[in-house]
C-alpha cells in the first residue's frame, strides 16, 4: 500500500517515516519530550500502522511493521524492533527496549528501564513497576523496570515488581503478583506468584514432533 497520512494527524519536524505507512486521524508523531527539546528525531520503519489518538514522542527508533491500537502512548528514548504491536490505551514510558515481535495488549503499563526481549507477550491491563521505594530520596536513581526474557508471557492483570526477571518462555498467570525472579520454562501464578508447573507440562506449549511414517502392512 502507498503511505497514507491523515490530514488530521500532526507530524512534527524530525519525523522519518518509512514506506507504506498508514497514519490515522488525530495521531501525533514526534511530540517533543520537553519544551526546550529540539533536534530529536523519530524514526519509524516501513509498513507502520498507527491508529487514531496514538502519541509517539520524538527521540525513539522503531523498526518495520510497527502497529498500535487506538490511543497508545509511546515516550522518548525507546528502542523498538521489527513487527512490534502496542495495544489500545497502553503506555510505554521512556528508555524502554522492545525486541522483535513483542506484543503488548490493551491497557498495559510499561515503565522506564523495562526490557522486553524478542517474542515476549504482555496481556491486557498488565502493570509493570520500576520504583522499589516510591517518593524516596533515591527514587530516580534506583528505577529499574522488569526484564522479560525471550518468549516470556505475562497474563492479563498481572503485576510485576521492579527489576524482576521473567525467564525464557515462562508464563505468568493472569492476576499474579510477581515479587521475585522467575526461572526459564516455568508457570507461576498467585499472589505472591509461586511455581505451578513446568511449561512443558502444558500440552499447548509442547513442541509437536511428527511420528515417523509406519511401514506399510
N, C-alpha and C. Protein backbone atom coordinates (compact mmCIF):
# COMPACT_ATOMS: atom_id res chain seq x y z
N UNK A 1 0.84 -1.19 0.00
CA UNK A 1 0.00 0.00 0.00
C UNK A 1 0.87 1.24 0.00
N UNK A 2 0.36 2.32 -0.55
CA UNK A 2 1.09 3.59 -0.52
C UNK A 2 0.92 4.23 0.84
N UNK A 3 1.89 5.06 1.23
CA UNK A 3 1.79 5.76 2.51
C UNK A 3 0.58 6.67 2.53
N UNK A 4 -0.17 6.61 3.63
CA UNK A 4 -1.33 7.49 3.81
C UNK A 4 -1.23 8.15 5.18
N UNK A 5 -1.19 9.47 5.20
CA UNK A 5 -1.16 10.23 6.44
C UNK A 5 -2.41 11.10 6.46
N UNK A 6 -3.26 10.88 7.45
CA UNK A 6 -4.50 11.66 7.54
C UNK A 6 -4.19 13.15 7.67
N UNK A 7 -5.04 13.95 7.08
CA UNK A 7 -4.89 15.40 7.18
C UNK A 7 -5.04 15.87 8.63
N UNK A 8 -5.71 15.06 9.45
CA UNK A 8 -5.91 15.43 10.85
C UNK A 8 -4.79 14.96 11.76
N UNK A 9 -3.78 14.28 11.22
CA UNK A 9 -2.62 13.86 12.01
C UNK A 9 -1.65 15.04 12.15
N UNK A 10 -0.88 15.04 13.25
CA UNK A 10 0.13 16.07 13.47
C UNK A 10 1.51 15.40 13.44
N UNK A 11 2.30 15.73 12.44
CA UNK A 11 3.63 15.14 12.28
C UNK A 11 4.65 16.26 12.46
N UNK A 12 5.39 16.22 13.56
CA UNK A 12 6.37 17.26 13.86
C UNK A 12 7.61 17.12 12.98
N UNK A 13 8.40 18.19 12.91
CA UNK A 13 9.68 18.15 12.21
C UNK A 13 10.58 17.10 12.84
N UNK A 14 11.38 16.45 12.02
CA UNK A 14 12.31 15.45 12.52
C UNK A 14 11.77 14.03 12.51
N UNK A 15 10.55 13.85 12.02
CA UNK A 15 9.99 12.50 11.92
C UNK A 15 10.41 11.88 10.60
N UNK A 16 10.99 10.69 10.67
CA UNK A 16 11.37 9.93 9.48
C UNK A 16 10.49 8.69 9.41
N UNK A 17 9.66 8.65 8.39
CA UNK A 17 8.65 7.60 8.28
C UNK A 17 8.95 6.74 7.06
N UNK A 18 9.01 5.43 7.26
CA UNK A 18 9.29 4.52 6.16
C UNK A 18 8.13 4.41 5.18
N UNK A 19 8.35 3.63 4.14
CA UNK A 19 7.34 3.49 3.10
C UNK A 19 6.13 2.69 3.58
N UNK A 20 5.02 2.89 2.88
CA UNK A 20 3.79 2.11 3.06
C UNK A 20 3.25 2.18 4.48
N UNK A 21 3.22 3.39 5.02
CA UNK A 21 2.68 3.61 6.36
C UNK A 21 1.22 4.07 6.27
N UNK A 22 0.46 3.76 7.33
CA UNK A 22 -0.89 4.28 7.46
C UNK A 22 -0.99 5.01 8.79
N UNK A 23 -1.20 6.32 8.72
CA UNK A 23 -1.27 7.17 9.91
C UNK A 23 -2.67 7.73 10.00
N UNK A 24 -3.43 7.32 11.02
CA UNK A 24 -4.82 7.71 11.17
C UNK A 24 -4.97 9.17 11.62
N UNK A 25 -6.23 9.60 11.65
CA UNK A 25 -6.56 10.92 12.18
C UNK A 25 -6.21 11.01 13.66
N UNK A 26 -5.82 12.22 14.08
CA UNK A 26 -5.55 12.57 15.48
C UNK A 26 -4.33 11.86 16.05
N UNK A 27 -3.50 11.32 15.20
CA UNK A 27 -2.21 10.79 15.64
C UNK A 27 -1.23 11.95 15.76
N UNK A 28 -0.34 11.89 16.78
CA UNK A 28 0.73 12.87 16.94
C UNK A 28 2.06 12.12 16.90
N UNK A 29 2.91 12.48 15.95
CA UNK A 29 4.24 11.86 15.81
C UNK A 29 5.33 12.91 16.05
N UNK A 30 6.34 12.54 16.85
CA UNK A 30 7.46 13.43 17.11
C UNK A 30 7.18 14.49 18.16
N UNK A 31 6.26 14.20 19.09
CA UNK A 31 5.94 15.16 20.15
C UNK A 31 7.19 15.42 20.99
N UNK A 32 7.56 16.69 21.23
CA UNK A 32 8.79 16.97 21.99
C UNK A 32 8.65 16.58 23.45
N UNK A 33 9.63 15.88 24.03
CA UNK A 33 9.53 15.44 25.42
C UNK A 33 9.66 16.57 26.44
N UNK A 34 10.15 17.72 26.01
CA UNK A 34 10.25 18.90 26.88
C UNK A 34 10.15 20.14 26.00
N UNK A 35 9.70 21.26 26.56
CA UNK A 35 9.54 22.48 25.74
C UNK A 35 10.81 22.91 25.03
N UNK A 36 11.97 22.66 25.66
CA UNK A 36 13.23 23.09 25.06
C UNK A 36 13.95 21.96 24.32
N UNK A 37 13.27 20.82 24.13
CA UNK A 37 13.88 19.69 23.42
C UNK A 37 13.80 19.94 21.92
N UNK A 38 14.94 20.12 21.30
CA UNK A 38 14.98 20.38 19.86
C UNK A 38 15.95 19.41 19.20
N UNK A 39 15.71 19.16 17.93
CA UNK A 39 16.63 18.35 17.15
C UNK A 39 16.51 16.86 17.38
N UNK A 40 15.48 16.42 18.10
CA UNK A 40 15.30 14.99 18.32
C UNK A 40 14.53 14.37 17.16
N UNK A 41 15.05 13.28 16.63
CA UNK A 41 14.38 12.61 15.52
C UNK A 41 13.50 11.49 16.05
N UNK A 42 12.50 11.15 15.28
CA UNK A 42 11.71 9.95 15.49
C UNK A 42 11.77 9.16 14.21
N UNK A 43 12.30 7.93 14.29
CA UNK A 43 12.42 7.09 13.11
C UNK A 43 11.49 5.90 13.23
N UNK A 44 10.61 5.75 12.25
CA UNK A 44 9.67 4.63 12.20
C UNK A 44 9.86 3.93 10.87
N UNK A 45 10.02 2.62 10.89
CA UNK A 45 10.31 1.86 9.67
C UNK A 45 9.11 1.72 8.75
N UNK A 46 9.25 0.82 7.79
CA UNK A 46 8.23 0.61 6.76
C UNK A 46 7.02 -0.13 7.32
N UNK A 47 5.90 0.04 6.62
CA UNK A 47 4.66 -0.72 6.88
C UNK A 47 4.08 -0.48 8.27
N UNK A 48 4.25 0.73 8.78
CA UNK A 48 3.68 1.06 10.08
C UNK A 48 2.17 1.30 9.95
N UNK A 49 1.45 0.91 10.98
CA UNK A 49 0.01 1.20 11.08
C UNK A 49 -0.20 1.86 12.44
N UNK A 50 -0.43 3.17 12.43
CA UNK A 50 -0.56 3.95 13.65
C UNK A 50 -2.00 4.43 13.73
N UNK A 51 -2.75 3.88 14.68
CA UNK A 51 -4.20 4.15 14.73
C UNK A 51 -4.51 5.41 15.55
N UNK A 52 -5.73 5.88 15.40
CA UNK A 52 -6.13 7.20 15.87
C UNK A 52 -5.83 7.43 17.35
N UNK A 53 -5.46 8.68 17.65
CA UNK A 53 -5.19 9.18 19.01
C UNK A 53 -3.93 8.60 19.63
N UNK A 54 -3.11 7.91 18.86
CA UNK A 54 -1.79 7.49 19.34
C UNK A 54 -0.86 8.69 19.37
N UNK A 55 -0.02 8.78 20.41
CA UNK A 55 1.01 9.82 20.51
C UNK A 55 2.36 9.13 20.68
N UNK A 56 3.30 9.46 19.78
CA UNK A 56 4.66 8.91 19.85
C UNK A 56 5.63 10.09 19.96
N UNK A 57 6.39 10.13 21.03
CA UNK A 57 7.31 11.24 21.27
C UNK A 57 8.53 11.16 20.34
N UNK A 58 9.19 12.31 20.20
CA UNK A 58 10.46 12.36 19.48
C UNK A 58 11.53 11.63 20.28
N UNK A 59 12.55 11.14 19.56
CA UNK A 59 13.71 10.58 20.22
C UNK A 59 13.73 9.07 20.33
N UNK A 60 12.94 8.36 19.54
CA UNK A 60 12.95 6.91 19.54
C UNK A 60 13.24 6.36 18.16
N UNK A 61 13.67 5.11 18.12
CA UNK A 61 13.89 4.41 16.86
C UNK A 61 13.01 3.18 16.87
N UNK A 62 12.17 3.05 15.84
CA UNK A 62 11.16 1.99 15.76
C UNK A 62 11.36 1.25 14.44
N UNK A 63 11.32 -0.06 14.46
CA UNK A 63 11.58 -0.87 13.28
C UNK A 63 10.40 -0.98 12.34
N UNK A 64 10.52 -1.91 11.39
CA UNK A 64 9.47 -2.14 10.38
C UNK A 64 8.27 -2.86 11.00
N UNK A 65 7.11 -2.68 10.37
CA UNK A 65 5.92 -3.43 10.76
C UNK A 65 5.34 -3.05 12.11
N UNK A 66 5.60 -1.84 12.57
CA UNK A 66 5.10 -1.40 13.87
C UNK A 66 3.61 -1.09 13.79
N UNK A 67 2.85 -1.51 14.81
CA UNK A 67 1.42 -1.22 14.85
C UNK A 67 1.01 -0.77 16.24
N UNK A 68 0.04 0.14 16.28
CA UNK A 68 -0.57 0.50 17.55
C UNK A 68 -2.08 0.34 17.44
N UNK A 69 -2.71 0.14 18.59
CA UNK A 69 -4.15 0.29 18.68
C UNK A 69 -4.48 1.77 18.78
N UNK A 70 -5.69 2.07 19.24
CA UNK A 70 -6.12 3.46 19.38
C UNK A 70 -5.67 4.01 20.73
N UNK A 71 -5.15 5.24 20.70
CA UNK A 71 -4.82 5.91 21.95
C UNK A 71 -3.60 5.39 22.67
N UNK A 72 -2.68 4.74 21.98
CA UNK A 72 -1.44 4.29 22.62
C UNK A 72 -0.51 5.48 22.84
N UNK A 73 0.34 5.40 23.88
CA UNK A 73 1.32 6.44 24.18
C UNK A 73 2.70 5.81 24.24
N UNK A 74 3.61 6.32 23.41
CA UNK A 74 5.00 5.84 23.36
C UNK A 74 5.91 7.02 23.66
N UNK A 75 6.65 6.96 24.74
CA UNK A 75 7.50 8.07 25.13
C UNK A 75 8.84 8.04 24.38
N UNK A 76 9.77 8.91 24.79
CA UNK A 76 11.03 9.12 24.08
C UNK A 76 12.10 8.12 24.50
N UNK A 77 13.20 8.11 23.74
CA UNK A 77 14.42 7.33 24.05
C UNK A 77 14.16 5.84 24.14
N UNK A 78 13.27 5.34 23.29
CA UNK A 78 12.98 3.92 23.25
C UNK A 78 13.61 3.26 22.03
N UNK A 79 13.96 1.98 22.18
CA UNK A 79 14.44 1.16 21.07
C UNK A 79 13.41 0.07 20.83
N UNK A 80 12.79 0.10 19.66
CA UNK A 80 11.70 -0.82 19.35
C UNK A 80 12.04 -1.56 18.07
N UNK A 81 11.99 -2.89 18.11
CA UNK A 81 12.39 -3.71 16.98
C UNK A 81 11.32 -3.82 15.91
N UNK A 82 11.46 -4.83 15.07
CA UNK A 82 10.53 -5.07 13.97
C UNK A 82 9.30 -5.84 14.46
N UNK A 83 8.18 -5.62 13.77
CA UNK A 83 6.94 -6.39 13.99
C UNK A 83 6.48 -6.34 15.44
N UNK A 84 6.53 -5.16 16.02
CA UNK A 84 6.07 -4.93 17.39
C UNK A 84 4.69 -4.31 17.34
N UNK A 85 3.81 -4.71 18.27
CA UNK A 85 2.50 -4.07 18.36
C UNK A 85 2.24 -3.63 19.79
N UNK A 86 1.60 -2.46 19.92
CA UNK A 86 1.24 -1.89 21.22
C UNK A 86 -0.25 -1.61 21.18
N UNK A 87 -1.01 -2.24 22.08
CA UNK A 87 -2.46 -2.19 22.03
C UNK A 87 -3.07 -0.87 22.47
N UNK A 88 -4.37 -0.75 22.25
CA UNK A 88 -5.10 0.47 22.57
C UNK A 88 -4.93 0.87 24.04
N UNK A 89 -4.64 2.15 24.24
CA UNK A 89 -4.54 2.76 25.57
C UNK A 89 -3.43 2.18 26.42
N UNK A 90 -2.46 1.52 25.81
CA UNK A 90 -1.27 1.10 26.54
C UNK A 90 -0.26 2.23 26.58
N UNK A 91 0.59 2.22 27.61
CA UNK A 91 1.61 3.24 27.80
C UNK A 91 2.98 2.58 27.86
N UNK A 92 3.89 3.05 27.01
CA UNK A 92 5.29 2.63 27.06
C UNK A 92 6.09 3.88 27.41
N UNK A 93 6.64 3.91 28.62
CA UNK A 93 7.39 5.07 29.06
C UNK A 93 8.77 5.12 28.38
N UNK A 94 9.61 6.07 28.80
CA UNK A 94 10.89 6.30 28.11
C UNK A 94 11.97 5.31 28.54
N UNK A 95 13.01 5.21 27.72
CA UNK A 95 14.14 4.31 27.97
C UNK A 95 13.71 2.86 28.15
N UNK A 96 12.84 2.42 27.26
CA UNK A 96 12.36 1.04 27.23
C UNK A 96 12.91 0.37 25.97
N UNK A 97 13.21 -0.92 26.06
CA UNK A 97 13.64 -1.67 24.89
C UNK A 97 12.66 -2.80 24.60
N UNK A 98 12.12 -2.79 23.38
CA UNK A 98 11.19 -3.83 22.93
C UNK A 98 11.83 -4.57 21.77
N UNK A 99 12.05 -5.87 21.93
CA UNK A 99 12.67 -6.66 20.88
C UNK A 99 11.72 -6.99 19.76
N UNK A 100 12.24 -7.62 18.73
CA UNK A 100 11.42 -8.01 17.57
C UNK A 100 10.24 -8.89 18.01
N UNK A 101 9.08 -8.63 17.41
CA UNK A 101 7.93 -9.49 17.62
C UNK A 101 7.25 -9.36 18.97
N UNK A 102 7.57 -8.34 19.75
CA UNK A 102 6.92 -8.14 21.05
C UNK A 102 5.46 -7.75 20.83
N UNK A 103 4.56 -8.29 21.66
CA UNK A 103 3.14 -7.96 21.62
C UNK A 103 2.71 -7.43 22.98
N UNK A 104 2.21 -6.20 23.00
CA UNK A 104 1.66 -5.60 24.22
C UNK A 104 0.19 -5.34 23.96
N UNK A 105 -0.67 -5.97 24.75
CA UNK A 105 -2.10 -5.83 24.51
C UNK A 105 -2.67 -4.59 25.20
N UNK A 106 -3.98 -4.42 25.14
CA UNK A 106 -4.62 -3.17 25.52
C UNK A 106 -4.48 -2.87 27.01
N UNK A 107 -4.30 -1.58 27.31
CA UNK A 107 -4.34 -1.10 28.68
C UNK A 107 -3.16 -1.49 29.55
N UNK A 108 -2.05 -1.91 28.95
CA UNK A 108 -0.87 -2.30 29.74
C UNK A 108 -0.02 -1.07 30.05
N UNK A 109 0.77 -1.16 31.13
CA UNK A 109 1.69 -0.08 31.52
C UNK A 109 3.10 -0.64 31.61
N UNK A 110 4.00 -0.06 30.79
CA UNK A 110 5.40 -0.48 30.74
C UNK A 110 6.25 0.72 31.14
N UNK A 111 6.85 0.73 32.34
CA UNK A 111 7.56 1.91 32.82
C UNK A 111 9.00 2.00 32.30
N UNK A 112 9.64 3.10 32.69
CA UNK A 112 11.02 3.36 32.29
C UNK A 112 11.94 2.19 32.66
N UNK A 113 12.93 1.95 31.80
CA UNK A 113 14.01 0.99 32.01
C UNK A 113 13.54 -0.47 32.03
N UNK A 114 12.39 -0.72 31.41
CA UNK A 114 11.95 -2.09 31.22
C UNK A 114 12.58 -2.64 29.94
N UNK A 115 12.77 -3.96 29.91
CA UNK A 115 13.29 -4.64 28.73
C UNK A 115 12.37 -5.80 28.40
N UNK A 116 11.88 -5.84 27.17
CA UNK A 116 11.06 -6.95 26.71
C UNK A 116 11.77 -7.57 25.51
N UNK A 117 12.32 -8.74 25.70
CA UNK A 117 13.11 -9.36 24.64
C UNK A 117 12.22 -9.95 23.55
N UNK A 118 12.87 -10.41 22.52
CA UNK A 118 12.22 -10.92 21.32
C UNK A 118 11.09 -11.90 21.62
N UNK A 119 9.94 -11.66 21.01
CA UNK A 119 8.82 -12.58 21.08
C UNK A 119 8.09 -12.63 22.40
N UNK A 120 8.39 -11.71 23.33
CA UNK A 120 7.65 -11.72 24.59
C UNK A 120 6.27 -11.12 24.40
N UNK A 121 5.37 -11.43 25.34
CA UNK A 121 3.94 -11.16 25.17
C UNK A 121 3.38 -10.63 26.48
N UNK A 122 2.61 -9.54 26.40
CA UNK A 122 2.04 -8.91 27.60
C UNK A 122 0.53 -8.82 27.43
N UNK A 123 -0.21 -9.43 28.35
CA UNK A 123 -1.66 -9.44 28.27
C UNK A 123 -2.29 -8.12 28.67
N UNK A 124 -3.60 -7.99 28.44
CA UNK A 124 -4.28 -6.73 28.72
C UNK A 124 -4.25 -6.35 30.19
N UNK A 125 -4.02 -5.06 30.42
CA UNK A 125 -4.04 -4.45 31.75
C UNK A 125 -2.97 -4.99 32.69
N UNK A 126 -1.94 -5.60 32.13
CA UNK A 126 -0.77 -5.94 32.95
C UNK A 126 -0.07 -4.65 33.37
N UNK A 127 0.50 -4.65 34.57
CA UNK A 127 1.19 -3.47 35.09
C UNK A 127 2.60 -3.86 35.51
N UNK A 128 3.57 -3.19 34.92
CA UNK A 128 4.96 -3.34 35.33
C UNK A 128 5.30 -2.15 36.23
N UNK A 129 6.14 -2.35 37.23
CA UNK A 129 6.54 -1.26 38.11
C UNK A 129 8.06 -1.13 38.12
N UNK A 130 8.56 0.05 38.51
CA UNK A 130 10.02 0.25 38.45
C UNK A 130 10.59 1.03 39.63
N UNK A 131 9.80 1.38 40.61
CA UNK A 131 10.28 2.16 41.76
C UNK A 131 10.18 1.31 43.03
N UNK A 132 11.30 0.80 43.54
CA UNK A 132 11.23 -0.03 44.76
C UNK A 132 10.66 0.74 45.95
N UNK A 133 10.99 2.04 46.06
CA UNK A 133 10.51 2.86 47.17
C UNK A 133 10.01 4.19 46.62
N UNK A 134 8.77 4.26 46.15
CA UNK A 134 8.25 5.49 45.54
C UNK A 134 8.37 6.69 46.47
N UNK A 135 8.76 7.83 45.88
CA UNK A 135 8.91 9.11 46.57
C UNK A 135 10.02 9.13 47.61
N UNK A 136 10.89 8.11 47.62
CA UNK A 136 12.05 8.17 48.49
C UNK A 136 13.09 9.11 47.89
N UNK A 137 14.10 9.49 48.67
CA UNK A 137 15.10 10.43 48.17
C UNK A 137 15.92 9.85 47.02
N UNK A 138 15.95 8.50 46.89
CA UNK A 138 16.74 7.87 45.85
C UNK A 138 15.89 7.28 44.73
N UNK A 139 14.63 7.68 44.66
CA UNK A 139 13.72 7.05 43.69
C UNK A 139 14.28 7.07 42.29
N UNK A 140 14.69 8.24 41.81
CA UNK A 140 15.10 8.35 40.41
C UNK A 140 16.37 7.57 40.13
N UNK A 141 17.24 7.43 41.13
CA UNK A 141 18.50 6.71 40.92
C UNK A 141 18.33 5.20 41.00
N UNK A 142 17.20 4.75 41.54
CA UNK A 142 17.02 3.31 41.73
C UNK A 142 15.93 2.72 40.84
N UNK A 143 15.42 3.49 39.89
CA UNK A 143 14.40 2.96 39.00
C UNK A 143 14.94 1.77 38.21
N UNK A 144 14.16 0.71 38.16
CA UNK A 144 14.59 -0.50 37.46
C UNK A 144 13.36 -1.27 37.03
N UNK A 145 13.09 -1.29 35.73
CA UNK A 145 11.91 -1.98 35.23
C UNK A 145 12.11 -3.48 35.14
N UNK A 146 11.02 -4.24 35.01
CA UNK A 146 11.12 -5.68 34.79
C UNK A 146 11.83 -6.01 33.48
N UNK A 147 12.31 -7.24 33.41
CA UNK A 147 13.01 -7.73 32.22
C UNK A 147 12.37 -9.05 31.79
N UNK A 148 11.73 -9.04 30.64
CA UNK A 148 11.16 -10.26 30.09
C UNK A 148 12.17 -10.89 29.14
N UNK A 149 12.56 -12.12 29.41
CA UNK A 149 13.45 -12.83 28.52
C UNK A 149 12.66 -13.32 27.30
N UNK A 150 13.37 -13.83 26.33
CA UNK A 150 12.77 -14.24 25.06
C UNK A 150 11.57 -15.17 25.27
N UNK A 151 10.45 -14.81 24.64
CA UNK A 151 9.28 -15.66 24.66
C UNK A 151 8.50 -15.68 25.96
N UNK A 152 8.84 -14.83 26.93
CA UNK A 152 8.09 -14.79 28.18
C UNK A 152 6.68 -14.27 27.93
N UNK A 153 5.72 -14.74 28.74
CA UNK A 153 4.31 -14.40 28.54
C UNK A 153 3.72 -13.95 29.87
N UNK A 154 3.06 -12.78 29.85
CA UNK A 154 2.50 -12.20 31.07
C UNK A 154 0.98 -12.14 30.93
N UNK A 155 0.26 -12.82 31.82
CA UNK A 155 -1.19 -12.88 31.73
C UNK A 155 -1.87 -11.57 32.07
N UNK A 156 -3.15 -11.49 31.73
CA UNK A 156 -3.95 -10.29 31.95
C UNK A 156 -3.95 -9.91 33.43
N UNK A 157 -3.86 -8.60 33.69
CA UNK A 157 -3.95 -8.04 35.03
C UNK A 157 -2.84 -8.47 35.98
N UNK A 158 -1.78 -9.07 35.46
CA UNK A 158 -0.63 -9.40 36.31
C UNK A 158 0.13 -8.13 36.68
N UNK A 159 0.81 -8.17 37.83
CA UNK A 159 1.64 -7.06 38.28
C UNK A 159 3.05 -7.57 38.50
N UNK A 160 4.02 -6.88 37.92
CA UNK A 160 5.44 -7.24 38.07
C UNK A 160 6.14 -6.16 38.89
N UNK A 161 6.82 -6.56 39.96
CA UNK A 161 7.55 -5.60 40.78
C UNK A 161 8.87 -5.18 40.12
N UNK A 162 9.47 -4.09 40.62
CA UNK A 162 10.66 -3.54 39.96
C UNK A 162 11.79 -4.55 39.81
N UNK A 163 12.36 -4.60 38.62
CA UNK A 163 13.57 -5.36 38.39
C UNK A 163 13.43 -6.86 38.27
N UNK A 164 12.22 -7.41 38.40
CA UNK A 164 12.11 -8.86 38.31
C UNK A 164 12.42 -9.33 36.89
N UNK A 165 13.00 -10.51 36.80
CA UNK A 165 13.34 -11.12 35.51
C UNK A 165 12.41 -12.31 35.31
N UNK A 166 11.75 -12.34 34.15
CA UNK A 166 10.88 -13.46 33.80
C UNK A 166 11.63 -14.29 32.77
N UNK A 167 11.88 -15.55 33.08
CA UNK A 167 12.77 -16.38 32.29
C UNK A 167 12.25 -16.73 30.91
N UNK A 168 13.13 -17.30 30.11
CA UNK A 168 12.85 -17.66 28.72
C UNK A 168 11.62 -18.57 28.66
N UNK A 169 10.64 -18.15 27.86
CA UNK A 169 9.42 -18.93 27.59
C UNK A 169 8.54 -19.17 28.81
N UNK A 170 8.80 -18.52 29.92
CA UNK A 170 7.97 -18.73 31.10
C UNK A 170 6.63 -18.02 30.96
N UNK A 171 5.67 -18.44 31.79
CA UNK A 171 4.31 -17.92 31.75
C UNK A 171 3.90 -17.45 33.13
N UNK A 172 3.47 -16.19 33.22
CA UNK A 172 2.93 -15.62 34.45
C UNK A 172 1.42 -15.62 34.33
N UNK A 173 0.74 -16.27 35.26
CA UNK A 173 -0.70 -16.41 35.19
C UNK A 173 -1.44 -15.09 35.36
N UNK A 174 -2.66 -15.05 34.87
CA UNK A 174 -3.50 -13.85 34.98
C UNK A 174 -3.67 -13.46 36.44
N UNK A 175 -3.51 -12.17 36.72
CA UNK A 175 -3.71 -11.65 38.07
C UNK A 175 -2.59 -11.92 39.04
N UNK A 176 -1.52 -12.55 38.60
CA UNK A 176 -0.40 -12.85 39.50
C UNK A 176 0.33 -11.57 39.91
N UNK A 177 0.96 -11.62 41.08
CA UNK A 177 1.84 -10.54 41.54
C UNK A 177 3.23 -11.13 41.67
N UNK A 178 4.13 -10.71 40.79
CA UNK A 178 5.47 -11.30 40.73
C UNK A 178 6.42 -10.45 41.56
N UNK A 179 6.96 -11.03 42.63
CA UNK A 179 7.81 -10.30 43.56
C UNK A 179 9.27 -10.74 43.49
N UNK A 180 9.55 -11.81 42.76
CA UNK A 180 10.94 -12.29 42.63
C UNK A 180 11.13 -12.88 41.23
N UNK A 181 12.38 -13.08 40.86
CA UNK A 181 12.69 -13.60 39.53
C UNK A 181 12.02 -14.94 39.28
N UNK A 182 11.67 -15.16 38.01
CA UNK A 182 11.04 -16.40 37.58
C UNK A 182 12.03 -17.14 36.67
N UNK A 183 12.34 -18.41 36.95
CA UNK A 183 13.30 -19.15 36.11
C UNK A 183 12.78 -19.37 34.69
N UNK A 184 13.65 -19.88 33.84
CA UNK A 184 13.25 -20.25 32.49
C UNK A 184 12.23 -21.40 32.51
N UNK A 185 11.29 -21.35 31.57
CA UNK A 185 10.47 -22.50 31.27
C UNK A 185 9.51 -22.97 32.35
N UNK A 186 8.98 -22.04 33.15
CA UNK A 186 8.04 -22.44 34.20
C UNK A 186 6.76 -21.61 34.12
N UNK A 187 5.74 -22.10 34.85
CA UNK A 187 4.48 -21.37 35.02
C UNK A 187 4.39 -20.93 36.47
N UNK A 188 4.09 -19.64 36.70
CA UNK A 188 3.85 -19.15 38.06
C UNK A 188 2.48 -18.49 38.11
N UNK A 189 1.87 -18.49 39.30
CA UNK A 189 0.56 -17.88 39.47
C UNK A 189 0.37 -17.54 40.94
N UNK A 190 -0.60 -16.66 41.22
CA UNK A 190 -0.96 -16.32 42.59
C UNK A 190 -0.33 -15.04 43.08
N UNK A 191 -0.61 -14.72 44.34
CA UNK A 191 -0.10 -13.51 45.00
C UNK A 191 0.43 -13.89 46.39
N UNK A 192 1.76 -13.91 46.56
CA UNK A 192 2.78 -13.69 45.54
C UNK A 192 2.85 -14.87 44.58
N UNK A 193 3.36 -14.62 43.39
CA UNK A 193 3.43 -15.67 42.36
C UNK A 193 4.35 -16.80 42.82
N UNK A 194 3.86 -18.02 42.64
CA UNK A 194 4.64 -19.21 43.02
C UNK A 194 4.67 -20.20 41.86
N UNK A 195 5.66 -21.05 41.90
CA UNK A 195 5.81 -22.09 40.88
C UNK A 195 4.56 -22.98 40.86
N UNK A 196 4.05 -23.24 39.66
CA UNK A 196 2.90 -24.11 39.48
C UNK A 196 3.31 -25.40 38.78
N UNK A 197 4.03 -25.24 37.67
CA UNK A 197 4.46 -26.41 36.90
C UNK A 197 5.49 -25.97 35.87
N UNK A 198 6.06 -26.93 35.20
CA UNK A 198 6.93 -26.64 34.07
C UNK A 198 6.08 -26.25 32.87
N UNK A 199 6.59 -25.38 32.04
CA UNK A 199 5.87 -25.01 30.81
C UNK A 199 5.69 -26.23 29.92
N UNK A 200 6.59 -27.20 30.01
CA UNK A 200 6.49 -28.41 29.20
C UNK A 200 5.34 -29.31 29.62
N UNK A 201 4.79 -29.06 30.83
CA UNK A 201 3.64 -29.85 31.28
C UNK A 201 2.33 -29.39 30.62
N UNK A 202 2.37 -28.25 29.94
CA UNK A 202 1.19 -27.73 29.26
C UNK A 202 1.23 -28.18 27.81
N UNK A 203 0.25 -28.99 27.41
CA UNK A 203 0.25 -29.53 26.05
C UNK A 203 0.28 -28.43 25.00
N UNK A 204 -0.32 -27.28 25.31
CA UNK A 204 -0.38 -26.20 24.33
C UNK A 204 1.00 -25.67 23.95
N UNK A 205 1.99 -25.86 24.83
CA UNK A 205 3.32 -25.33 24.57
C UNK A 205 4.34 -26.39 24.19
N UNK A 206 3.94 -27.66 24.19
CA UNK A 206 4.90 -28.69 23.82
C UNK A 206 5.23 -28.61 22.35
N UNK A 207 6.46 -28.90 22.01
CA UNK A 207 6.86 -28.98 20.62
C UNK A 207 6.27 -30.23 20.02
N UNK A 208 5.54 -30.06 18.92
CA UNK A 208 4.90 -31.20 18.27
C UNK A 208 5.89 -31.82 17.31
N UNK A 209 6.20 -33.10 17.53
CA UNK A 209 7.13 -33.81 16.67
C UNK A 209 6.37 -34.92 15.97
N UNK A 210 6.37 -34.86 14.66
CA UNK A 210 5.63 -35.87 13.90
C UNK A 210 6.29 -37.24 14.07
N UNK A 211 5.44 -38.26 14.26
CA UNK A 211 5.97 -39.63 14.37
C UNK A 211 6.46 -40.07 13.00
N UNK A 212 7.50 -40.91 12.97
CA UNK A 212 7.97 -41.39 11.68
C UNK A 212 6.90 -42.24 10.99
N UNK A 213 6.93 -42.21 9.70
CA UNK A 213 5.94 -43.00 8.93
C UNK A 213 6.05 -44.47 9.31
N UNK A 214 4.90 -45.07 9.55
CA UNK A 214 4.89 -46.52 9.85
C UNK A 214 5.06 -47.31 8.56
N UNK A 215 5.75 -48.43 8.66
CA UNK A 215 5.92 -49.23 7.45
C UNK A 215 4.57 -49.76 6.96
N UNK A 216 4.45 -49.88 5.68
CA UNK A 216 3.19 -50.40 5.13
C UNK A 216 3.00 -51.84 5.55
N UNK A 217 1.77 -52.20 5.88
CA UNK A 217 1.50 -53.57 6.30
C UNK A 217 1.33 -54.49 5.10
